[in-house]
Amino acid sequence: MTATLQEILLAPGIQPKVLDDCQTLIDQEVADKSGVSGAAVKLAYKTATSFAPGYFRRTLEDMLPQIVDKLEPYWADFSTSGSSEFGDYLHKRGQEVAEDLLSLTDQIAEVSKRPAITKAYRAVRGSASKNVQAALPRVGDLVMKYAV
């Protein structure tokens, strides 16, 4: 039987490495953005990291188990699909996967007690699905790094 993502990504010796890789992935995705919407994403990210140092890392640590839960059904289906690349599999289901993942950040923004963070998130939420979809191949590669 194939291991679950919980078993793979949240194992005590692996989870800190996954968190580091997630931070790198986010940094890469933000750096790759261009144009007006890219400028908005970069500004929101800079706002969040400037006004709340360590916020992203703590939030990522808190969210990782929930992110893994959201990815778990896709992983289970991928594992039986015969597909070879999880990133391609996620990309083909881009809209659905992106909205599943964004439901987590929507919840966090809703209860955040940090007005600057909430304002920055709301400024980019409209284009967030497109940005998450663009990141899905890297997300899949990150998962595969630990799954194989």
N, C-alpha and C. Protein backbone atom coordinates (compact mmCIF):
# COMPACT_ATOMS: atom_id res chain seq x y z
N MET A 1 0.83 -1.19 0.00
CA MET A 1 0.00 0.00 0.00
C MET A 1 0.89 1.26 0.00
N THR A 2 0.44 2.25 -0.72
CA THR A 2 1.18 3.50 -0.81
C THR A 2 1.04 4.29 0.49
N ALA A 3 2.14 4.90 0.91
CA ALA A 3 2.11 5.71 2.12
C ALA A 3 1.26 6.96 1.89
N THR A 4 0.64 7.43 2.96
CA THR A 4 -0.13 8.67 2.87
C THR A 4 0.82 9.86 2.89
N LEU A 5 0.32 10.99 2.43
CA LEU A 5 1.14 12.20 2.49
C LEU A 5 1.44 12.58 3.93
N GLN A 6 0.51 12.33 4.84
CA GLN A 6 0.76 12.60 6.25
C GLN A 6 2.01 11.83 6.71
N GLU A 7 2.07 10.55 6.36
CA GLU A 7 3.21 9.72 6.75
C GLU A 7 4.50 10.19 6.09
N ILE A 8 4.40 10.64 4.85
CA ILE A 8 5.58 11.03 4.10
C ILE A 8 6.10 12.40 4.53
N LEU A 9 5.22 13.40 4.49
CA LEU A 9 5.65 14.80 4.65
C LEU A 9 5.71 15.29 6.09
N LEU A 10 4.97 14.65 6.98
CA LEU A 10 4.92 15.13 8.36
C LEU A 10 5.73 14.26 9.32
N ALA A 11 6.51 13.35 8.78
CA ALA A 11 7.39 12.53 9.62
C ALA A 11 8.36 13.46 10.35
N PRO A 12 8.67 13.16 11.61
CA PRO A 12 9.50 14.07 12.41
C PRO A 12 10.81 14.52 11.76
N GLY A 13 11.52 13.66 11.10
CA GLY A 13 12.78 14.04 10.49
C GLY A 13 12.62 14.73 9.14
N ILE A 14 11.44 14.64 8.56
CA ILE A 14 11.19 15.18 7.23
C ILE A 14 10.48 16.52 7.27
N GLN A 15 9.56 16.72 8.20
CA GLN A 15 8.74 17.93 8.22
C GLN A 15 9.56 19.23 8.19
N PRO A 16 10.64 19.36 8.98
CA PRO A 16 11.42 20.61 8.89
C PRO A 16 12.01 20.85 7.50
N LYS A 17 12.40 19.79 6.81
CA LYS A 17 12.93 19.92 5.46
C LYS A 17 11.82 20.35 4.49
N VAL A 18 10.64 19.79 4.68
CA VAL A 18 9.49 20.15 3.84
C VAL A 18 9.15 21.63 4.05
N LEU A 19 9.18 22.07 5.29
CA LEU A 19 8.90 23.49 5.57
C LEU A 19 9.92 24.40 4.88
N ASP A 20 11.19 24.03 4.96
CA ASP A 20 12.23 24.81 4.27
C ASP A 20 11.98 24.85 2.77
N ASP A 21 11.63 23.69 2.20
CA ASP A 21 11.37 23.62 0.77
C ASP A 21 10.12 24.41 0.39
N CYS A 22 9.11 24.40 1.25
CA CYS A 22 7.91 25.20 1.01
C CYS A 22 8.24 26.69 0.99
N GLN A 23 9.06 27.12 1.93
CA GLN A 23 9.45 28.53 1.97
C GLN A 23 10.22 28.90 0.70
N THR A 24 11.12 28.03 0.27
CA THR A 24 11.87 28.27 -0.96
C THR A 24 10.92 28.33 -2.16
N LEU A 25 9.96 27.42 -2.21
CA LEU A 25 8.99 27.40 -3.29
C LEU A 25 8.20 28.71 -3.34
N ILE A 26 7.75 29.18 -2.19
CA ILE A 26 7.00 30.45 -2.12
C ILE A 26 7.88 31.61 -2.59
N ASP A 27 9.10 31.66 -2.10
CA ASP A 27 10.03 32.71 -2.51
C ASP A 27 10.25 32.70 -4.02
N GLN A 28 10.41 31.51 -4.60
CA GLN A 28 10.61 31.38 -6.04
C GLN A 28 9.37 31.84 -6.81
N GLU A 29 8.22 31.41 -6.35
CA GLU A 29 6.97 31.78 -7.03
C GLU A 29 6.77 33.30 -7.00
N VAL A 30 7.02 33.91 -5.87
CA VAL A 30 6.86 35.37 -5.76
C VAL A 30 7.87 36.06 -6.67
N ALA A 31 9.11 35.61 -6.65
CA ALA A 31 10.15 36.23 -7.47
C ALA A 31 9.84 36.11 -8.97
N ASP A 32 9.17 35.04 -9.37
CA ASP A 32 8.86 34.80 -10.78
C ASP A 32 7.69 35.64 -11.30
N LYS A 33 6.97 36.28 -10.42
CA LYS A 33 5.80 37.07 -10.84
C LYS A 33 6.24 38.33 -11.56
N SER A 34 5.43 38.72 -12.55
CA SER A 34 5.72 39.93 -13.30
C SER A 34 4.42 40.65 -13.64
N GLY A 35 4.55 41.83 -14.19
CA GLY A 35 3.39 42.61 -14.57
C GLY A 35 2.71 43.24 -13.37
N VAL A 36 1.53 43.80 -13.62
CA VAL A 36 0.79 44.50 -12.57
C VAL A 36 0.38 43.54 -11.45
N SER A 37 -0.18 42.38 -11.82
CA SER A 37 -0.60 41.43 -10.78
C SER A 37 0.61 40.89 -10.03
N GLY A 38 1.73 40.70 -10.73
CA GLY A 38 2.95 40.26 -10.07
C GLY A 38 3.46 41.28 -9.08
N ALA A 39 3.35 42.56 -9.46
CA ALA A 39 3.76 43.62 -8.55
C ALA A 39 2.90 43.63 -7.30
N ALA A 40 1.61 43.36 -7.46
CA ALA A 40 0.70 43.31 -6.31
C ALA A 40 1.07 42.15 -5.38
N VAL A 41 1.39 41.01 -5.97
CA VAL A 41 1.79 39.84 -5.16
C VAL A 41 3.08 40.15 -4.41
N LYS A 42 4.04 40.73 -5.10
CA LYS A 42 5.32 41.06 -4.46
C LYS A 42 5.14 42.07 -3.34
N LEU A 43 4.28 43.06 -3.57
CA LEU A 43 4.01 44.06 -2.53
C LEU A 43 3.32 43.42 -1.33
N ALA A 44 2.34 42.57 -1.58
CA ALA A 44 1.64 41.89 -0.48
C ALA A 44 2.60 41.03 0.33
N TYR A 45 3.47 40.31 -0.36
CA TYR A 45 4.44 39.45 0.31
C TYR A 45 5.42 40.29 1.13
N LYS A 46 5.89 41.37 0.53
CA LYS A 46 6.83 42.25 1.25
C LYS A 46 6.14 42.88 2.47
N THR A 47 4.88 43.28 2.30
CA THR A 47 4.13 43.85 3.42
C THR A 47 4.03 42.85 4.55
N ALA A 48 3.65 41.63 4.21
CA ALA A 48 3.49 40.60 5.24
C ALA A 48 4.81 40.29 5.93
N THR A 49 5.88 40.22 5.18
CA THR A 49 7.17 39.87 5.79
C THR A 49 7.78 41.05 6.53
N SER A 50 7.44 42.27 6.13
CA SER A 50 7.99 43.46 6.82
C SER A 50 7.24 43.78 8.10
N PHE A 51 5.92 43.73 8.04
CA PHE A 51 5.12 44.11 9.20
C PHE A 51 5.01 43.00 10.23
N ALA A 52 5.30 41.80 9.82
CA ALA A 52 5.19 40.67 10.74
C ALA A 52 6.32 39.68 10.48
N PRO A 53 7.54 40.03 10.88
CA PRO A 53 8.66 39.11 10.67
C PRO A 53 8.37 37.75 11.30
N GLY A 54 8.67 36.70 10.57
CA GLY A 54 8.42 35.33 11.05
C GLY A 54 7.00 34.86 10.84
N TYR A 55 6.10 35.76 10.42
CA TYR A 55 4.69 35.41 10.27
C TYR A 55 4.51 34.29 9.25
N PHE A 56 5.16 34.42 8.09
CA PHE A 56 4.99 33.41 7.05
C PHE A 56 5.46 32.04 7.53
N ARG A 57 6.61 32.00 8.17
CA ARG A 57 7.14 30.71 8.61
C ARG A 57 6.21 30.07 9.65
N ARG A 58 5.77 30.87 10.63
CA ARG A 58 4.86 30.33 11.65
C ARG A 58 3.54 29.88 11.01
N THR A 59 3.04 30.67 10.09
CA THR A 59 1.79 30.31 9.42
C THR A 59 1.98 29.04 8.60
N LEU A 60 3.09 28.95 7.92
CA LEU A 60 3.38 27.76 7.13
C LEU A 60 3.48 26.52 8.03
N GLU A 61 4.14 26.66 9.17
CA GLU A 61 4.23 25.55 10.13
C GLU A 61 2.84 25.13 10.60
N ASP A 62 1.99 26.12 10.90
CA ASP A 62 0.63 25.82 11.35
C ASP A 62 -0.21 25.20 10.25
N MET A 63 -0.01 25.66 9.03
CA MET A 63 -0.85 25.23 7.91
C MET A 63 -0.42 23.92 7.27
N LEU A 64 0.83 23.53 7.41
CA LEU A 64 1.32 22.36 6.68
C LEU A 64 0.44 21.12 6.87
N PRO A 65 0.05 20.76 8.08
CA PRO A 65 -0.82 19.58 8.20
C PRO A 65 -2.15 19.74 7.44
N GLN A 66 -2.70 20.95 7.43
CA GLN A 66 -3.95 21.19 6.70
C GLN A 66 -3.72 21.14 5.19
N ILE A 67 -2.60 21.67 4.74
CA ILE A 67 -2.26 21.61 3.32
C ILE A 67 -2.13 20.16 2.89
N VAL A 68 -1.44 19.39 3.70
CA VAL A 68 -1.26 17.96 3.40
C VAL A 68 -2.62 17.27 3.36
N ASP A 69 -3.51 17.61 4.29
CA ASP A 69 -4.87 17.04 4.28
C ASP A 69 -5.59 17.36 2.97
N LYS A 70 -5.45 18.59 2.50
CA LYS A 70 -6.10 19.01 1.26
C LYS A 70 -5.52 18.26 0.05
N LEU A 71 -4.22 17.99 0.09
CA LEU A 71 -3.57 17.29 -1.03
C LEU A 71 -3.76 15.78 -0.98
N GLU A 72 -4.09 15.26 0.20
CA GLU A 72 -4.18 13.80 0.39
C GLU A 72 -5.09 13.09 -0.62
N PRO A 73 -6.31 13.56 -0.87
CA PRO A 73 -7.15 12.84 -1.84
C PRO A 73 -6.55 12.85 -3.26
N TYR A 74 -5.89 13.94 -3.61
CA TYR A 74 -5.25 14.00 -4.92
C TYR A 74 -4.09 13.01 -4.99
N TRP A 75 -3.34 12.91 -3.90
CA TRP A 75 -2.23 11.97 -3.83
C TRP A 75 -2.73 10.53 -3.94
N ALA A 76 -3.81 10.22 -3.22
CA ALA A 76 -4.38 8.87 -3.26
C ALA A 76 -4.82 8.52 -4.68
N ASP A 77 -5.48 9.45 -5.35
CA ASP A 77 -5.92 9.21 -6.73
C ASP A 77 -4.72 9.10 -7.66
N PHE A 78 -3.77 10.00 -7.49
CA PHE A 78 -2.54 9.98 -8.31
C PHE A 78 -1.84 8.63 -8.16
N SER A 79 -1.77 8.12 -6.94
CA SER A 79 -1.04 6.88 -6.66
C SER A 79 -1.63 5.68 -7.40
N THR A 80 -2.91 5.75 -7.73
CA THR A 80 -3.55 4.65 -8.44
C THR A 80 -3.80 4.97 -9.92
N SER A 81 -3.42 6.17 -10.34
CA SER A 81 -3.75 6.63 -11.70
C SER A 81 -2.78 6.16 -12.77
N GLY A 82 -1.59 5.77 -12.37
CA GLY A 82 -0.59 5.39 -13.35
C GLY A 82 0.20 6.58 -13.86
N SER A 83 -0.14 7.77 -13.40
CA SER A 83 0.62 8.97 -13.78
C SER A 83 2.00 8.90 -13.13
N SER A 84 2.97 9.56 -13.76
CA SER A 84 4.32 9.48 -13.22
C SER A 84 4.76 10.75 -12.50
N GLU A 85 4.11 11.88 -12.77
CA GLU A 85 4.50 13.15 -12.15
C GLU A 85 3.33 13.77 -11.41
N PHE A 86 3.48 13.94 -10.11
CA PHE A 86 2.40 14.50 -9.30
C PHE A 86 2.13 15.96 -9.69
N GLY A 87 3.17 16.69 -10.08
CA GLY A 87 2.98 18.08 -10.51
C GLY A 87 2.08 18.17 -11.73
N ASP A 88 2.26 17.29 -12.71
CA ASP A 88 1.40 17.26 -13.89
C ASP A 88 -0.03 16.91 -13.49
N TYR A 89 -0.14 15.92 -12.61
CA TYR A 89 -1.46 15.50 -12.14
C TYR A 89 -2.19 16.68 -11.49
N LEU A 90 -1.50 17.41 -10.60
CA LEU A 90 -2.12 18.57 -9.93
C LEU A 90 -2.47 19.66 -10.94
N HIS A 91 -1.55 19.91 -11.87
CA HIS A 91 -1.76 20.96 -12.86
C HIS A 91 -3.02 20.70 -13.69
N LYS A 92 -3.27 19.46 -14.03
CA LYS A 92 -4.46 19.10 -14.82
C LYS A 92 -5.75 19.35 -14.05
N ARG A 93 -5.66 19.41 -12.74
CA ARG A 93 -6.82 19.67 -11.88
C ARG A 93 -6.66 21.04 -11.20
N GLY A 94 -5.97 21.92 -11.87
CA GLY A 94 -5.52 23.19 -11.31
C GLY A 94 -6.56 24.00 -10.57
N GLN A 95 -7.69 24.29 -11.20
CA GLN A 95 -8.72 25.13 -10.57
C GLN A 95 -9.22 24.50 -9.28
N GLU A 96 -9.52 23.22 -9.33
CA GLU A 96 -10.05 22.50 -8.16
C GLU A 96 -9.03 22.47 -7.02
N VAL A 97 -7.79 22.12 -7.33
CA VAL A 97 -6.73 22.04 -6.31
C VAL A 97 -6.47 23.42 -5.72
N ALA A 98 -6.39 24.43 -6.58
CA ALA A 98 -6.12 25.79 -6.11
C ALA A 98 -7.20 26.26 -5.14
N GLU A 99 -8.45 26.05 -5.48
CA GLU A 99 -9.53 26.50 -4.60
C GLU A 99 -9.55 25.71 -3.28
N ASP A 100 -9.21 24.43 -3.34
CA ASP A 100 -9.10 23.65 -2.09
C ASP A 100 -8.03 24.24 -1.19
N LEU A 101 -6.88 24.55 -1.76
CA LEU A 101 -5.79 25.11 -0.96
C LEU A 101 -6.11 26.53 -0.48
N LEU A 102 -6.72 27.32 -1.34
CA LEU A 102 -7.05 28.70 -0.96
C LEU A 102 -8.14 28.77 0.11
N SER A 103 -8.93 27.73 0.24
CA SER A 103 -9.92 27.73 1.32
C SER A 103 -9.23 27.83 2.68
N LEU A 104 -8.01 27.32 2.77
CA LEU A 104 -7.25 27.41 4.02
C LEU A 104 -6.81 28.85 4.29
N THR A 105 -6.25 29.50 3.27
CA THR A 105 -5.79 30.87 3.47
C THR A 105 -6.96 31.82 3.65
N ASP A 106 -8.07 31.52 3.02
CA ASP A 106 -9.28 32.34 3.23
C ASP A 106 -9.70 32.29 4.70
N GLN A 107 -9.65 31.11 5.29
CA GLN A 107 -10.01 30.95 6.71
C GLN A 107 -9.06 31.74 7.60
N ILE A 108 -7.78 31.68 7.29
CA ILE A 108 -6.78 32.39 8.10
C ILE A 108 -7.00 33.90 7.99
N ALA A 109 -7.21 34.38 6.78
CA ALA A 109 -7.44 35.82 6.59
C ALA A 109 -8.69 36.28 7.33
N GLU A 110 -9.68 35.43 7.37
CA GLU A 110 -10.95 35.76 8.01
C GLU A 110 -10.79 35.99 9.51
N VAL A 111 -9.91 35.25 10.13
CA VAL A 111 -9.76 35.35 11.59
C VAL A 111 -8.49 36.09 12.02
N SER A 112 -7.72 36.55 11.04
CA SER A 112 -6.47 37.23 11.36
C SER A 112 -6.72 38.50 12.17
N LYS A 113 -5.86 38.72 13.13
CA LYS A 113 -5.93 39.93 13.95
C LYS A 113 -4.84 40.93 13.51
N ARG A 114 -4.32 40.72 12.33
CA ARG A 114 -3.29 41.58 11.76
C ARG A 114 -3.86 42.29 10.53
N PRO A 115 -4.32 43.52 10.71
CA PRO A 115 -4.95 44.25 9.60
C PRO A 115 -4.07 44.37 8.35
N ALA A 116 -2.77 44.57 8.51
CA ALA A 116 -1.89 44.71 7.35
C ALA A 116 -1.84 43.41 6.55
N ILE A 117 -1.82 42.28 7.25
CA ILE A 117 -1.80 40.98 6.58
C ILE A 117 -3.12 40.75 5.85
N THR A 118 -4.23 41.01 6.52
CA THR A 118 -5.54 40.81 5.92
C THR A 118 -5.72 41.70 4.69
N LYS A 119 -5.31 42.94 4.79
CA LYS A 119 -5.42 43.88 3.67
C LYS A 119 -4.56 43.40 2.49
N ALA A 120 -3.34 42.97 2.78
CA ALA A 120 -2.45 42.49 1.72
C ALA A 120 -3.04 41.25 1.05
N TYR A 121 -3.62 40.35 1.83
CA TYR A 121 -4.22 39.13 1.28
C TYR A 121 -5.42 39.48 0.39
N ARG A 122 -6.26 40.34 0.87
CA ARG A 122 -7.43 40.73 0.08
C ARG A 122 -7.04 41.39 -1.23
N ALA A 123 -5.92 42.09 -1.23
CA ALA A 123 -5.46 42.76 -2.44
C ALA A 123 -5.06 41.77 -3.54
N VAL A 124 -4.65 40.58 -3.15
CA VAL A 124 -4.19 39.60 -4.15
C VAL A 124 -5.11 38.39 -4.30
N ARG A 125 -6.15 38.32 -3.50
CA ARG A 125 -7.01 37.13 -3.52
C ARG A 125 -7.65 36.90 -4.89
N GLY A 126 -7.99 37.97 -5.59
CA GLY A 126 -8.62 37.82 -6.90
C GLY A 126 -7.79 37.04 -7.90
N SER A 127 -6.49 37.21 -7.85
CA SER A 127 -5.60 36.50 -8.78
C SER A 127 -4.93 35.30 -8.12
N ALA A 128 -5.31 35.00 -6.90
CA ALA A 128 -4.63 33.94 -6.15
C ALA A 128 -4.78 32.57 -6.79
N SER A 129 -5.96 32.26 -7.30
CA SER A 129 -6.16 30.94 -7.91
C SER A 129 -5.20 30.73 -9.07
N LYS A 130 -5.07 31.74 -9.91
CA LYS A 130 -4.15 31.66 -11.05
C LYS A 130 -2.71 31.45 -10.56
N ASN A 131 -2.34 32.16 -9.50
CA ASN A 131 -0.98 32.04 -8.98
C ASN A 131 -0.73 30.68 -8.34
N VAL A 132 -1.71 30.16 -7.62
CA VAL A 132 -1.57 28.83 -7.02
C VAL A 132 -1.49 27.78 -8.12
N GLN A 133 -2.32 27.91 -9.13
CA GLN A 133 -2.28 26.95 -10.24
C GLN A 133 -0.90 26.94 -10.90
N ALA A 134 -0.31 28.11 -11.05
CA ALA A 134 1.02 28.19 -11.65
C ALA A 134 2.07 27.49 -10.79
N ALA A 135 1.85 27.45 -9.49
CA ALA A 135 2.81 26.83 -8.57
C ALA A 135 2.63 25.32 -8.44
N LEU A 136 1.53 24.78 -8.91
CA LEU A 136 1.25 23.36 -8.68
C LEU A 136 2.31 22.41 -9.22
N PRO A 137 2.92 22.66 -10.38
CA PRO A 137 4.00 21.75 -10.78
C PRO A 137 5.14 21.71 -9.76
N ARG A 138 5.50 22.86 -9.19
CA ARG A 138 6.55 22.88 -8.15
C ARG A 138 6.07 22.18 -6.89
N VAL A 139 4.81 22.35 -6.54
CA VAL A 139 4.26 21.66 -5.37
C VAL A 139 4.36 20.16 -5.57
N GLY A 140 3.97 19.70 -6.74
CA GLY A 140 4.06 18.27 -7.05
C GLY A 140 5.49 17.76 -6.99
N ASP A 141 6.42 18.56 -7.52
CA ASP A 141 7.84 18.16 -7.46
C ASP A 141 8.33 18.07 -6.03
N LEU A 142 7.89 19.01 -5.19
CA LEU A 142 8.28 19.00 -3.78
C LEU A 142 7.78 17.71 -3.12
N VAL A 143 6.54 17.35 -3.37
CA VAL A 143 5.98 16.13 -2.78
C VAL A 143 6.76 14.91 -3.28
N MET A 144 7.02 14.87 -4.58
CA MET A 144 7.72 13.72 -5.15
C MET A 144 9.14 13.59 -4.62
N LYS A 145 9.75 14.70 -4.27
CA LYS A 145 11.11 14.67 -3.69
C LYS A 145 11.14 13.79 -2.45
N TYR A 146 10.09 13.80 -1.68
CA TYR A 146 10.05 13.02 -0.43
C TYR A 146 9.31 11.69 -0.59
N ALA A 147 8.52 11.56 -1.63
CA ALA A 147 7.70 10.37 -1.80
C ALA A 147 8.43 9.22 -2.49
N VAL A 148 9.50 9.54 -3.17
CA VAL A 148 10.21 8.49 -3.91
C VAL A 148 11.58 8.23 -3.33
